[in-house]
């Protein structure tokens, strides 16, 4: 039986999250990455694995799914927007005080 788990709720995607389904270590040298490039790309794309590639003994690069990069970029964009961050923090405080309304109430107020 295949192991599945929902990793990315924002994208609504489900991926194979089975353990020990690969022979590639998470940390690779440039030579190892070059020799296993097709397998590395396959695992990044289908299993959402990330790989750290070292050059001359130092971690130098990361190979990761495009979805992760897009998510990080979006997060950085939101965090750089001071007005939006103030609004998010205000909403979190209001929610913590129990000042939230349900989605059904929002739709009713908007006539949806």
PDB file of N, CA and C in Angstrom:
ATOM      1  N   UNK A   1       0.833  -1.177   0.000  1.00  0.00           N
ATOM      2  CA  UNK A   1       0.000   0.000   0.000  1.00  0.00           C
ATOM      3  C   UNK A   1       0.881   1.244   0.000  1.00  0.00           C
ATOM      4  N   UNK A   2       0.520   2.211  -0.813  1.00  0.00           N
ATOM      5  CA  UNK A   2       1.320   3.414  -0.976  1.00  0.00           C
ATOM      6  C   UNK A   2       0.994   4.425   0.117  1.00  0.00           C
ATOM      7  N   UNK A   3       2.015   5.040   0.706  1.00  0.00           N
ATOM      8  CA  UNK A   3       1.824   6.028   1.763  1.00  0.00           C
ATOM      9  C   UNK A   3       1.615   7.398   1.133  1.00  0.00           C
ATOM     10  N   UNK A   4       0.532   8.075   1.511  1.00  0.00           N
ATOM     11  CA  UNK A   4       0.242   9.411   0.995  1.00  0.00           C
ATOM     12  C   UNK A   4       0.066  10.365   2.165  1.00  0.00           C
ATOM     13  N   UNK A   5       0.434  11.603   1.967  1.00  0.00           N
ATOM     14  CA  UNK A   5       0.153  12.617   2.973  1.00  0.00           C
ATOM     15  C   UNK A   5       0.009  13.958   2.279  1.00  0.00           C
ATOM     16  N   UNK A   6      -0.797  14.818   2.847  1.00  0.00           N
ATOM     17  CA  UNK A   6      -1.013  16.136   2.272  1.00  0.00           C
ATOM     18  C   UNK A   6       0.035  17.082   2.820  1.00  0.00           C
ATOM     19  N   UNK A   7       0.963  17.489   1.989  1.00  0.00           N
ATOM     20  CA  UNK A   7       2.070  18.345   2.396  1.00  0.00           C
ATOM     21  C   UNK A   7       1.718  19.819   2.219  1.00  0.00           C
ATOM     22  N   UNK A   8       1.108  20.156   1.123  1.00  0.00           N
ATOM     23  CA  UNK A   8       0.916  21.553   0.768  1.00  0.00           C
ATOM     24  C   UNK A   8      -0.562  21.884   0.653  1.00  0.00           C
ATOM     25  N   UNK A   9      -1.149  22.337   1.749  1.00  0.00           N
ATOM     26  CA  UNK A   9      -2.570  22.654   1.758  1.00  0.00           C
ATOM     27  C   UNK A   9      -2.880  23.876   0.890  1.00  0.00           C
ATOM     28  N   UNK A  10      -1.931  24.801   0.780  1.00  0.00           N
ATOM     29  CA  UNK A  10      -2.159  25.992  -0.033  1.00  0.00           C
ATOM     30  C   UNK A  10      -2.357  25.629  -1.496  1.00  0.00           C
ATOM     31  N   UNK A  11      -1.627  24.629  -1.975  1.00  0.00           N
ATOM     32  CA  UNK A  11      -1.746  24.199  -3.356  1.00  0.00           C
ATOM     33  C   UNK A  11      -2.735  23.051  -3.503  1.00  0.00           C
ATOM     34  N   UNK A  12      -3.181  22.464  -2.384  1.00  0.00           N
ATOM     35  CA  UNK A  12      -4.127  21.361  -2.426  1.00  0.00           C
ATOM     36  C   UNK A  12      -3.548  20.121  -3.075  1.00  0.00           C
ATOM     37  N   UNK A  13      -2.260  19.891  -2.917  1.00  0.00           N
ATOM     38  CA  UNK A  13      -1.605  18.764  -3.554  1.00  0.00           C
ATOM     39  C   UNK A  13      -1.296  17.673  -2.543  1.00  0.00           C
ATOM     40  N   UNK A  14      -1.391  16.434  -2.974  1.00  0.00           N
ATOM     41  CA  UNK A  14      -1.034  15.299  -2.136  1.00  0.00           C
ATOM     42  C   UNK A  14       0.138  14.595  -2.787  1.00  0.00           C
ATOM     43  N   UNK A  15       1.123  14.263  -1.985  1.00  0.00           N
ATOM     44  CA  UNK A  15       2.342  13.674  -2.494  1.00  0.00           C
ATOM     45  C   UNK A  15       2.647  12.362  -1.797  1.00  0.00           C
ATOM     46  N   UNK A  16       3.453  11.551  -2.435  1.00  0.00           N
ATOM     47  CA  UNK A  16       3.938  10.314  -1.838  1.00  0.00           C
ATOM     48  C   UNK A  16       4.935  10.697  -0.754  1.00  0.00           C
ATOM     49  N   UNK A  17       4.624  10.308   0.464  1.00  0.00           N
ATOM     50  CA  UNK A  17       5.481  10.666   1.595  1.00  0.00           C
ATOM     51  C   UNK A  17       6.054   9.429   2.260  1.00  0.00           C
ATOM     52  N   UNK A  18       6.154   8.355   1.519  1.00  0.00           N
ATOM     53  CA  UNK A  18       6.709   7.125   2.074  1.00  0.00           C
ATOM     54  C   UNK A  18       8.135   7.330   2.514  1.00  0.00           C
ATOM     55  N   UNK A  19       8.501   6.704   3.603  1.00  0.00           N
ATOM     56  CA  UNK A  19       9.852   6.845   4.123  1.00  0.00           C
ATOM     57  C   UNK A  19      10.773   5.823   3.460  1.00  0.00           C
ATOM     58  N   UNK A  20      12.040   6.167   3.369  1.00  0.00           N
ATOM     59  CA  UNK A  20      13.065   5.261   2.845  1.00  0.00           C
ATOM     60  C   UNK A  20      12.754   4.740   1.446  1.00  0.00           C
ATOM     61  N   UNK A  21      12.222   5.596   0.581  1.00  0.00           N
ATOM     62  CA  UNK A  21      11.922   5.172  -0.777  1.00  0.00           C
ATOM     63  C   UNK A  21      13.012   5.604  -1.741  1.00  0.00           C
ATOM     64  N   UNK A  22      14.130   6.074  -1.220  1.00  0.00           N
ATOM     65  CA  UNK A  22      15.186   6.573  -2.081  1.00  0.00           C
ATOM     66  C   UNK A  22      16.548   6.117  -1.571  1.00  0.00           C
ATOM     67  N   UNK A  23      17.497   6.162  -2.476  1.00  0.00           N
ATOM     68  CA  UNK A  23      18.863   5.845  -2.080  1.00  0.00           C
ATOM     69  C   UNK A  23      19.717   7.098  -2.011  1.00  0.00           C
ATOM     70  N   UNK A  24      19.173   8.227  -2.446  1.00  0.00           N
ATOM     71  CA  UNK A  24      19.949   9.474  -2.463  1.00  0.00           C
ATOM     72  C   UNK A  24      19.944  10.126  -1.082  1.00  0.00           C
ATOM     73  N   UNK A  25      21.122  10.480  -0.570  1.00  0.00           N
ATOM     74  CA  UNK A  25      21.168  11.196   0.708  1.00  0.00           C
ATOM     75  C   UNK A  25      20.716  12.637   0.518  1.00  0.00           C
ATOM     76  N   UNK A  26      20.320  13.288   1.585  1.00  0.00           N
ATOM     77  CA  UNK A  26      19.871  14.673   1.513  1.00  0.00           C
ATOM     78  C   UNK A  26      21.024  15.614   1.172  1.00  0.00           C
ATOM     79  N   UNK A  27      22.225  15.284   1.611  1.00  0.00           N
ATOM     80  CA  UNK A  27      23.406  16.112   1.339  1.00  0.00           C
ATOM     81  C   UNK A  27      24.279  15.400   0.309  1.00  0.00           C
ATOM     82  N   UNK A  28      24.564  16.111  -0.767  1.00  0.00           N
ATOM     83  CA  UNK A  28      25.339  15.544  -1.870  1.00  0.00           C
ATOM     84  C   UNK A  28      26.502  16.451  -2.225  1.00  0.00           C
ATOM     85  N   UNK A  29      27.556  15.851  -2.715  1.00  0.00           N
ATOM     86  CA  UNK A  29      28.630  16.643  -3.313  1.00  0.00           C
ATOM     87  C   UNK A  29      28.203  16.995  -4.735  1.00  0.00           C
ATOM     88  N   UNK A  30      28.900  17.920  -5.337  1.00  0.00           N
ATOM     89  CA  UNK A  30      28.602  18.273  -6.725  1.00  0.00           C
ATOM     90  C   UNK A  30      28.737  17.045  -7.619  1.00  0.00           C
ATOM     91  N   UNK A  31      29.760  16.244  -7.396  1.00  0.00           N
ATOM     92  CA  UNK A  31      29.961  15.041  -8.209  1.00  0.00           C
ATOM     93  C   UNK A  31      28.811  14.056  -8.045  1.00  0.00           C
ATOM     94  N   UNK A  32      28.348  13.867  -6.812  1.00  0.00           N
ATOM     95  CA  UNK A  32      27.215  12.972  -6.582  1.00  0.00           C
ATOM     96  C   UNK A  32      25.948  13.511  -7.244  1.00  0.00           C
ATOM     97  N   UNK A  33      25.733  14.808  -7.139  1.00  0.00           N
ATOM     98  CA  UNK A  33      24.551  15.410  -7.754  1.00  0.00           C
ATOM     99  C   UNK A  33      24.600  15.255  -9.269  1.00  0.00           C
ATOM    100  N   UNK A  34      25.756  15.476  -9.857  1.00  0.00           N
ATOM    101  CA  UNK A  34      25.911  15.337 -11.303  1.00  0.00           C
ATOM    102  C   UNK A  34      25.636  13.895 -11.734  1.00  0.00           C
ATOM    103  N   UNK A  35      26.183  12.947 -10.998  1.00  0.00           N
ATOM    104  CA  UNK A  35      26.024  11.536 -11.352  1.00  0.00           C
ATOM    105  C   UNK A  35      24.587  11.045 -11.164  1.00  0.00           C
ATOM    106  N   UNK A  36      23.812  11.721 -10.313  1.00  0.00           N
ATOM    107  CA  UNK A  36      22.445  11.290 -10.008  1.00  0.00           C
ATOM    108  C   UNK A  36      21.402  12.343 -10.366  1.00  0.00           C
ATOM    109  N   UNK A  37      21.732  13.203 -11.329  1.00  0.00           N
ATOM    110  CA  UNK A  37      20.881  14.346 -11.624  1.00  0.00           C
ATOM    111  C   UNK A  37      19.439  13.948 -11.949  1.00  0.00           C
ATOM    112  N   UNK A  38      19.232  12.951 -12.780  1.00  0.00           N
ATOM    113  CA  UNK A  38      17.870  12.570 -13.159  1.00  0.00           C
ATOM    114  C   UNK A  38      17.075  12.065 -11.957  1.00  0.00           C
ATOM    115  N   UNK A  39      17.696  11.249 -11.117  1.00  0.00           N
ATOM    116  CA  UNK A  39      17.019  10.760  -9.912  1.00  0.00           C
ATOM    117  C   UNK A  39      16.741  11.911  -8.948  1.00  0.00           C
ATOM    118  N   UNK A  40      17.694  12.807  -8.815  1.00  0.00           N
ATOM    119  CA  UNK A  40      17.542  13.958  -7.930  1.00  0.00           C
ATOM    120  C   UNK A  40      16.343  14.800  -8.360  1.00  0.00           C
ATOM    121  N   UNK A  41      16.272  15.116  -9.647  1.00  0.00           N
ATOM    122  CA  UNK A  41      15.169  15.922 -10.180  1.00  0.00           C
ATOM    123  C   UNK A  41      13.841  15.193  -9.998  1.00  0.00           C
ATOM    124  N   UNK A  42      13.821  13.896 -10.233  1.00  0.00           N
ATOM    125  CA  UNK A  42      12.599  13.102 -10.055  1.00  0.00           C
ATOM    126  C   UNK A  42      12.119  13.179  -8.608  1.00  0.00           C
ATOM    127  N   UNK A  43      13.018  13.042  -7.662  1.00  0.00           N
ATOM    128  CA  UNK A  43      12.636  13.063  -6.255  1.00  0.00           C
ATOM    129  C   UNK A  43      12.212  14.448  -5.795  1.00  0.00           C
ATOM    130  N   UNK A  44      12.818  15.468  -6.330  1.00  0.00           N
ATOM    131  CA  UNK A  44      12.412  16.830  -6.000  1.00  0.00           C
ATOM    132  C   UNK A  44      10.999  17.071  -6.525  1.00  0.00           C
ATOM    133  N   UNK A  45      10.738  16.625  -7.739  1.00  0.00           N
ATOM    134  CA  UNK A  45       9.440  16.870  -8.363  1.00  0.00           C
ATOM    135  C   UNK A  45       8.311  16.025  -7.812  1.00  0.00           C
ATOM    136  N   UNK A  46       8.559  14.739  -7.573  1.00  0.00           N
ATOM    137  CA  UNK A  46       7.457  13.861  -7.178  1.00  0.00           C
ATOM    138  C   UNK A  46       7.353  13.622  -5.682  1.00  0.00           C
ATOM    139  N   UNK A  47       8.435  13.756  -4.956  1.00  0.00           N
ATOM    140  CA  UNK A  47       8.417  13.462  -3.519  1.00  0.00           C
ATOM    141  C   UNK A  47       8.689  14.693  -2.660  1.00  0.00           C
ATOM    142  N   UNK A  48       8.809  15.849  -3.296  1.00  0.00           N
ATOM    143  CA  UNK A  48       9.059  17.113  -2.597  1.00  0.00           C
ATOM    144  C   UNK A  48      10.291  17.076  -1.708  1.00  0.00           C
ATOM    145  N   UNK A  49      11.302  16.345  -2.124  1.00  0.00           N
ATOM    146  CA  UNK A  49      12.550  16.294  -1.363  1.00  0.00           C
ATOM    147  C   UNK A  49      13.385  17.524  -1.667  1.00  0.00           C
ATOM    148  N   UNK A  50      14.217  17.875  -0.727  1.00  0.00           N
ATOM    149  CA  UNK A  50      15.193  18.953  -0.901  1.00  0.00           C
ATOM    150  C   UNK A  50      16.577  18.358  -0.749  1.00  0.00           C
ATOM    151  N   UNK A  51      17.506  18.867  -1.530  1.00  0.00           N
ATOM    152  CA  UNK A  51      18.881  18.385  -1.483  1.00  0.00           C
ATOM    153  C   UNK A  51      19.833  19.557  -1.302  1.00  0.00           C
ATOM    154  N   UNK A  52      20.801  19.368  -0.439  1.00  0.00           N
ATOM    155  CA  UNK A  52      21.868  20.350  -0.247  1.00  0.00           C
ATOM    156  C   UNK A  52      23.078  19.838  -1.004  1.00  0.00           C
ATOM    157  N   UNK A  53      23.628  20.685  -1.865  1.00  0.00           N
ATOM    158  CA  UNK A  53      24.784  20.304  -2.670  1.00  0.00           C
ATOM    159  C   UNK A  53      26.003  21.074  -2.173  1.00  0.00           C
ATOM    160  N   UNK A  54      27.049  20.321  -1.856  1.00  0.00           N
ATOM    161  CA  UNK A  54      28.282  20.920  -1.338  1.00  0.00           C
ATOM    162  C   UNK A  54      29.338  20.981  -2.429  1.00  0.00           C
ATOM    163  N   UNK A  55      30.122  22.042  -2.374  1.00  0.00           N
ATOM    164  CA  UNK A  55      31.233  22.231  -3.300  1.00  0.00           C
ATOM    165  C   UNK A  55      32.460  22.549  -2.450  1.00  0.00           C
ATOM    166  N   UNK A  56      33.499  21.786  -2.629  1.00  0.00           N
ATOM    167  CA  UNK A  56      34.735  21.935  -1.856  1.00  0.00           C
ATOM    168  C   UNK A  56      34.463  21.851  -0.358  1.00  0.00           C
ATOM    169  N   UNK A  57      33.567  20.914  -0.007  1.00  0.00           N
ATOM    170  CA  UNK A  57      33.282  20.654   1.399  1.00  0.00           C
ATOM    171  C   UNK A  57      32.336  21.618   2.089  1.00  0.00           C
ATOM    172  N   UNK A  58      31.799  22.587   1.353  1.00  0.00           N
ATOM    173  CA  UNK A  58      30.889  23.563   1.959  1.00  0.00           C
ATOM    174  C   UNK A  58      29.530  23.515   1.289  1.00  0.00           C
ATOM    175  N   UNK A  59      28.442  23.523   2.071  1.00  0.00           N
ATOM    176  CA  UNK A  59      27.108  23.597   1.465  1.00  0.00           C
ATOM    177  C   UNK A  59      27.006  24.864   0.618  1.00  0.00           C
ATOM    178  N   UNK A  60      26.640  24.698  -0.653  1.00  0.00           N
ATOM    179  CA  UNK A  60      26.663  25.813  -1.583  1.00  0.00           C
ATOM    180  C   UNK A  60      25.314  26.083  -2.237  1.00  0.00           C
ATOM    181  N   UNK A  61      24.529  25.035  -2.475  1.00  0.00           N
ATOM    182  CA  UNK A  61      23.269  25.199  -3.197  1.00  0.00           C
ATOM    183  C   UNK A  61      22.217  24.242  -2.646  1.00  0.00           C
ATOM    184  N   UNK A  62      20.970  24.594  -2.908  1.00  0.00           N
ATOM    185  CA  UNK A  62      19.845  23.744  -2.527  1.00  0.00           C
ATOM    186  C   UNK A  62      19.011  23.501  -3.772  1.00  0.00           C
ATOM    187  N   UNK A  63      18.622  22.256  -3.981  1.00  0.00           N
ATOM    188  CA  UNK A  63      17.685  21.916  -5.044  1.00  0.00           C
ATOM    189  C   UNK A  63      16.386  21.571  -4.338  1.00  0.00           C
ATOM    190  N   UNK A  64      15.319  22.297  -4.690  1.00  0.00           N
ATOM    191  CA  UNK A  64      14.046  22.104  -4.014  1.00  0.00           C
ATOM    192  C   UNK A  64      12.902  22.275  -4.998  1.00  0.00           C
ATOM    193  N   UNK A  65      11.699  21.831  -4.619  1.00  0.00           N
ATOM    194  CA  UNK A  65      10.555  21.953  -5.519  1.00  0.00           C
ATOM    195  C   UNK A  65      10.218  23.413  -5.827  1.00  0.00           C
ATOM    196  N   UNK A  66       9.753  23.646  -7.021  1.00  0.00           N
ATOM    197  CA  UNK A  66       9.357  24.986  -7.446  1.00  0.00           C
ATOM    198  C   UNK A  66       8.272  25.523  -6.515  1.00  0.00           C
ATOM    199  N   UNK A  67       7.355  24.660  -6.086  1.00  0.00           N
ATOM    200  CA  UNK A  67       6.278  25.088  -5.193  1.00  0.00           C
ATOM    201  C   UNK A  67       6.842  25.694  -3.910  1.00  0.00           C
ATOM    202  N   UNK A  68       7.916  25.110  -3.375  1.00  0.00           N
ATOM    203  CA  UNK A  68       8.545  25.652  -2.171  1.00  0.00           C
ATOM    204  C   UNK A  68       9.090  27.048  -2.433  1.00  0.00           C
ATOM    205  N   UNK A  69       9.777  27.217  -3.545  1.00  0.00           N
ATOM    206  CA  UNK A  69      10.345  28.524  -3.886  1.00  0.00           C
ATOM    207  C   UNK A  69       9.243  29.563  -4.041  1.00  0.00           C
ATOM    208  N   UNK A  70       8.164  29.206  -4.746  1.00  0.00           N
ATOM    209  CA  UNK A  70       7.052  30.131  -4.931  1.00  0.00           C
ATOM    210  C   UNK A  70       6.432  30.511  -3.594  1.00  0.00           C
ATOM    211  N   UNK A  71       6.298  29.548  -2.711  1.00  0.00           N
ATOM    212  CA  UNK A  71       5.740  29.802  -1.388  1.00  0.00           C
ATOM    213  C   UNK A  71       6.638  30.739  -0.586  1.00  0.00           C
ATOM    214  N   UNK A  72       7.928  30.496  -0.613  1.00  0.00           N
ATOM    215  CA  UNK A  72       8.882  31.352   0.098  1.00  0.00           C
ATOM    216  C   UNK A  72       8.848  32.769  -0.459  1.00  0.00           C
ATOM    217  N   UNK A  73       8.813  32.892  -1.794  1.00  0.00           N
ATOM    218  CA  UNK A  73       8.756  34.214  -2.421  1.00  0.00           C
ATOM    219  C   UNK A  73       7.504  34.969  -1.983  1.00  0.00           C
ATOM    220  N   UNK A  74       6.366  34.272  -1.956  1.00  0.00           N
ATOM    221  CA  UNK A  74       5.115  34.898  -1.547  1.00  0.00           C
ATOM    222  C   UNK A  74       5.176  35.333  -0.079  1.00  0.00           C
ATOM    223  N   UNK A  75       5.738  34.481   0.763  1.00  0.00           N
ATOM    224  CA  UNK A  75       5.877  34.810   2.180  1.00  0.00           C
ATOM    225  C   UNK A  75       6.761  36.037   2.368  1.00  0.00           C
ATOM    226  N   UNK A  76       7.881  36.083   1.657  1.00  0.00           N
ATOM    227  CA  UNK A  76       8.782  37.240   1.760  1.00  0.00           C
ATOM    228  C   UNK A  76       8.110  38.522   1.272  1.00  0.00           C
ATOM    229  N   UNK A  77       7.309  38.406   0.219  1.00  0.00           N
ATOM    230  CA  UNK A  77       6.601  39.562  -0.311  1.00  0.00           C
ATOM    231  C   UNK A  77       5.591  40.088   0.722  1.00  0.00           C
ATOM    232  N   UNK A  78       4.869  39.183   1.359  1.00  0.00           N
ATOM    233  CA  UNK A  78       3.906  39.578   2.388  1.00  0.00           C
ATOM    234  C   UNK A  78       4.623  40.212   3.569  1.00  0.00           C
ATOM    235  N   UNK A  79       5.715  39.583   4.012  1.00  0.00           N
ATOM    236  CA  UNK A  79       6.439  40.089   5.172  1.00  0.00           C
ATOM    237  C   UNK A  79       7.089  41.449   4.904  1.00  0.00           C
ATOM    238  N   UNK A  80       7.396  41.741   3.661  1.00  0.00           N
ATOM    239  CA  UNK A  80       8.005  43.027   3.312  1.00  0.00           C
ATOM    240  C   UNK A  80       6.975  44.150   3.246  1.00  0.00           C
ATOM    241  N   UNK A  81       5.701  43.797   3.187  1.00  0.00           N
ATOM    242  CA  UNK A  81       4.632  44.788   3.108  1.00  0.00           C
ATOM    243  C   UNK A  81       4.197  45.158   4.532  1.00  0.00           C
ATOM    244  N   UNK A  82       4.696  46.280   5.045  1.00  0.00           N
ATOM    245  CA  UNK A  82       4.456  46.670   6.437  1.00  0.00           C
ATOM    246  C   UNK A  82       2.970  46.885   6.733  1.00  0.00           C
ATOM    247  N   UNK A  83       2.256  47.483   5.800  1.00  0.00           N
ATOM    248  CA  UNK A  83       0.824  47.728   6.010  1.00  0.00           C
ATOM    249  C   UNK A  83       0.069  46.398   6.112  1.00  0.00           C
ATOM    250  N   UNK A  84       0.383  45.475   5.244  1.00  0.00           N
ATOM    251  CA  UNK A  84      -0.270  44.165   5.274  1.00  0.00           C
ATOM    252  C   UNK A  84       0.073  43.413   6.550  1.00  0.00           C
ATOM    253  N   UNK A  85       1.329  43.470   6.980  1.00  0.00           N
ATOM    254  CA  UNK A  85       1.731  42.786   8.214  1.00  0.00           C
ATOM    255  C   UNK A  85       1.011  43.376   9.432  1.00  0.00           C
ATOM    256  N   UNK A  86       0.848  44.701   9.470  1.00  0.00           N
ATOM    257  CA  UNK A  86       0.093  45.314  10.569  1.00  0.00           C
ATOM    258  C   UNK A  86      -1.345  44.800  10.573  1.00  0.00           C
ATOM    259  N   UNK A  87      -1.926  44.698   9.394  1.00  0.00           N
ATOM    260  CA  UNK A  87      -3.302  44.210   9.271  1.00  0.00           C
ATOM    261  C   UNK A  87      -3.419  42.751   9.724  1.00  0.00           C
ATOM    262  N   UNK A  88      -2.452  41.931   9.355  1.00  0.00           N
ATOM    263  CA  UNK A  88      -2.451  40.521   9.764  1.00  0.00           C
ATOM    264  C   UNK A  88      -2.322  40.412  11.277  1.00  0.00           C
ATOM    265  N   UNK A  89      -1.406  41.181  11.861  1.00  0.00           N
ATOM    266  CA  UNK A  89      -1.213  41.141  13.323  1.00  0.00           C
ATOM    267  C   UNK A  89      -2.455  41.631  14.057  1.00  0.00           C
ATOM    268  N   UNK A  90      -3.103  42.661  13.520  1.00  0.00           N
ATOM    269  CA  UNK A  90      -4.341  43.157  14.125  1.00  0.00           C
ATOM    270  C   UNK A  90      -5.412  42.071  14.081  1.00  0.00           C
ATOM    271  N   UNK A  91      -5.541  41.406  12.934  1.00  0.00           N
ATOM    272  CA  UNK A  91      -6.535  40.336  12.796  1.00  0.00           C
ATOM    273  C   UNK A  91      -6.243  39.184  13.756  1.00  0.00           C
ATOM    274  N   UNK A  92      -4.972  38.866  13.961  1.00  0.00           N
ATOM    275  CA  UNK A  92      -4.609  37.800  14.896  1.00  0.00           C
ATOM    276  C   UNK A  92      -5.000  38.173  16.322  1.00  0.00           C
ATOM    277  N   UNK A  93      -4.782  39.430  16.692  1.00  0.00           N
ATOM    278  CA  UNK A  93      -5.170  39.881  18.038  1.00  0.00           C
ATOM    279  C   UNK A  93      -6.689  39.813  18.213  1.00  0.00           C
ATOM    280  N   UNK A  94      -7.413  40.267  17.184  1.00  0.00           N
ATOM    281  CA  UNK A  94      -8.880  40.223  17.236  1.00  0.00           C
ATOM    282  C   UNK A  94      -9.376  38.787  17.350  1.00  0.00           C
ATOM    283  N   UNK A  95      -8.784  37.903  16.598  1.00  0.00           N
ATOM    284  CA  UNK A  95      -9.164  36.489  16.650  1.00  0.00           C
ATOM    285  C   UNK A  95      -8.891  35.920  18.044  1.00  0.00           C
ATOM    286  N   UNK A  96      -7.750  36.277  18.607  1.00  0.00           N
ATOM    287  CA  UNK A  96      -7.393  35.815  19.949  1.00  0.00           C
ATOM    288  C   UNK A  96      -8.368  36.294  21.016  1.00  0.00           C
ATOM    289  N   UNK A  97      -8.977  37.450  20.776  1.00  0.00           N
ATOM    290  CA  UNK A  97      -9.973  37.984  21.721  1.00  0.00           C
ATOM    291  C   UNK A  97     -11.373  37.450  21.433  1.00  0.00           C
ATOM    292  N   UNK A  98     -11.487  36.573  20.440  1.00  0.00           N
ATOM    293  CA  UNK A  98     -12.796  36.001  20.110  1.00  0.00           C
ATOM    294  C   UNK A  98     -13.663  36.922  19.272  1.00  0.00           C
ATOM    295  N   UNK A  99     -13.046  37.854  18.574  1.00  0.00           N
ATOM    296  CA  UNK A  99     -13.800  38.822  17.776  1.00  0.00           C
ATOM    297  C   UNK A  99     -13.957  38.388  16.323  1.00  0.00           C
ATOM    298  N   UNK A 100     -13.843  37.104  16.074  1.00  0.00           N
ATOM    299  CA  UNK A 100     -13.956  36.588  14.705  1.00  0.00           C
ATOM    300  C   UNK A 100     -15.410  36.242  14.390  1.00  0.00           C
ATOM    301  N   UNK A 101     -15.733  36.259  13.096  1.00  0.00           N
ATOM    302  CA  UNK A 101     -17.055  35.803  12.661  1.00  0.00           C
ATOM    303  C   UNK A 101     -16.861  34.657  11.676  1.00  0.00           C
ATOM    304  N   UNK A 102     -17.868  33.816  11.555  1.00  0.00           N
ATOM    305  CA  UNK A 102     -17.761  32.640  10.691  1.00  0.00           C
ATOM    306  C   UNK A 102     -17.834  33.041   9.219  1.00  0.00           C
ATOM    307  N   UNK A 103     -17.374  32.128   8.374  1.00  0.00           N
ATOM    308  CA  UNK A 103     -17.424  32.355   6.928  1.00  0.00           C
ATOM    309  C   UNK A 103     -18.876  32.502   6.475  1.00  0.00           C
ATOM    310  N   UNK A 104     -19.774  31.742   7.083  1.00  0.00           N
ATOM    311  CA  UNK A 104     -21.201  31.837   6.745  1.00  0.00           C
ATOM    312  C   UNK A 104     -21.729  33.239   7.049  1.00  0.00           C
ATOM    313  N   UNK A 105     -21.288  33.815   8.174  1.00  0.00           N
ATOM    314  CA  UNK A 105     -21.711  35.170   8.530  1.00  0.00           C
ATOM    315  C   UNK A 105     -21.168  36.197   7.532  1.00  0.00           C
ATOM    316  N   UNK A 106     -19.946  36.012   7.100  1.00  0.00           N
ATOM    317  CA  UNK A 106     -19.345  36.918   6.121  1.00  0.00           C
ATOM    318  C   UNK A 106     -20.139  36.866   4.823  1.00  0.00           C
ATOM    319  N   UNK A 107     -20.435  35.656   4.351  1.00  0.00           N
ATOM    320  CA  UNK A 107     -21.215  35.518   3.105  1.00  0.00           C
ATOM    321  C   UNK A 107     -22.576  36.184   3.247  1.00  0.00           C
ATOM    322  N   UNK A 108     -23.212  36.009   4.401  1.00  0.00           N
ATOM    323  CA  UNK A 108     -24.531  36.602   4.632  1.00  0.00           C
ATOM    324  C   UNK A 108     -24.447  38.124   4.583  1.00  0.00           C
ATOM    325  N   UNK A 109     -23.422  38.700   5.245  1.00  0.00           N
ATOM    326  CA  UNK A 109     -23.244  40.148   5.253  1.00  0.00           C
ATOM    327  C   UNK A 109     -22.987  40.710   3.857  1.00  0.00           C
ATOM    328  N   UNK A 110     -22.260  39.919   3.049  1.00  0.00           N
ATOM    329  CA  UNK A 110     -21.929  40.353   1.689  1.00  0.00           C
ATOM    330  C   UNK A 110     -23.017  39.990   0.677  1.00  0.00           C
ATOM    331  N   UNK A 111     -24.024  39.268   1.126  1.00  0.00           N
ATOM    332  CA  UNK A 111     -25.112  38.868   0.237  1.00  0.00           C
ATOM    333  C   UNK A 111     -24.699  37.836  -0.799  1.00  0.00           C
ATOM    334  N   UNK A 112     -23.812  36.960  -0.393  1.00  0.00           N
ATOM    335  CA  UNK A 112     -23.320  35.916  -1.311  1.00  0.00           C
ATOM    336  C   UNK A 112     -24.081  34.634  -1.055  1.00  0.00           C
TER     337      UNK A 112
END
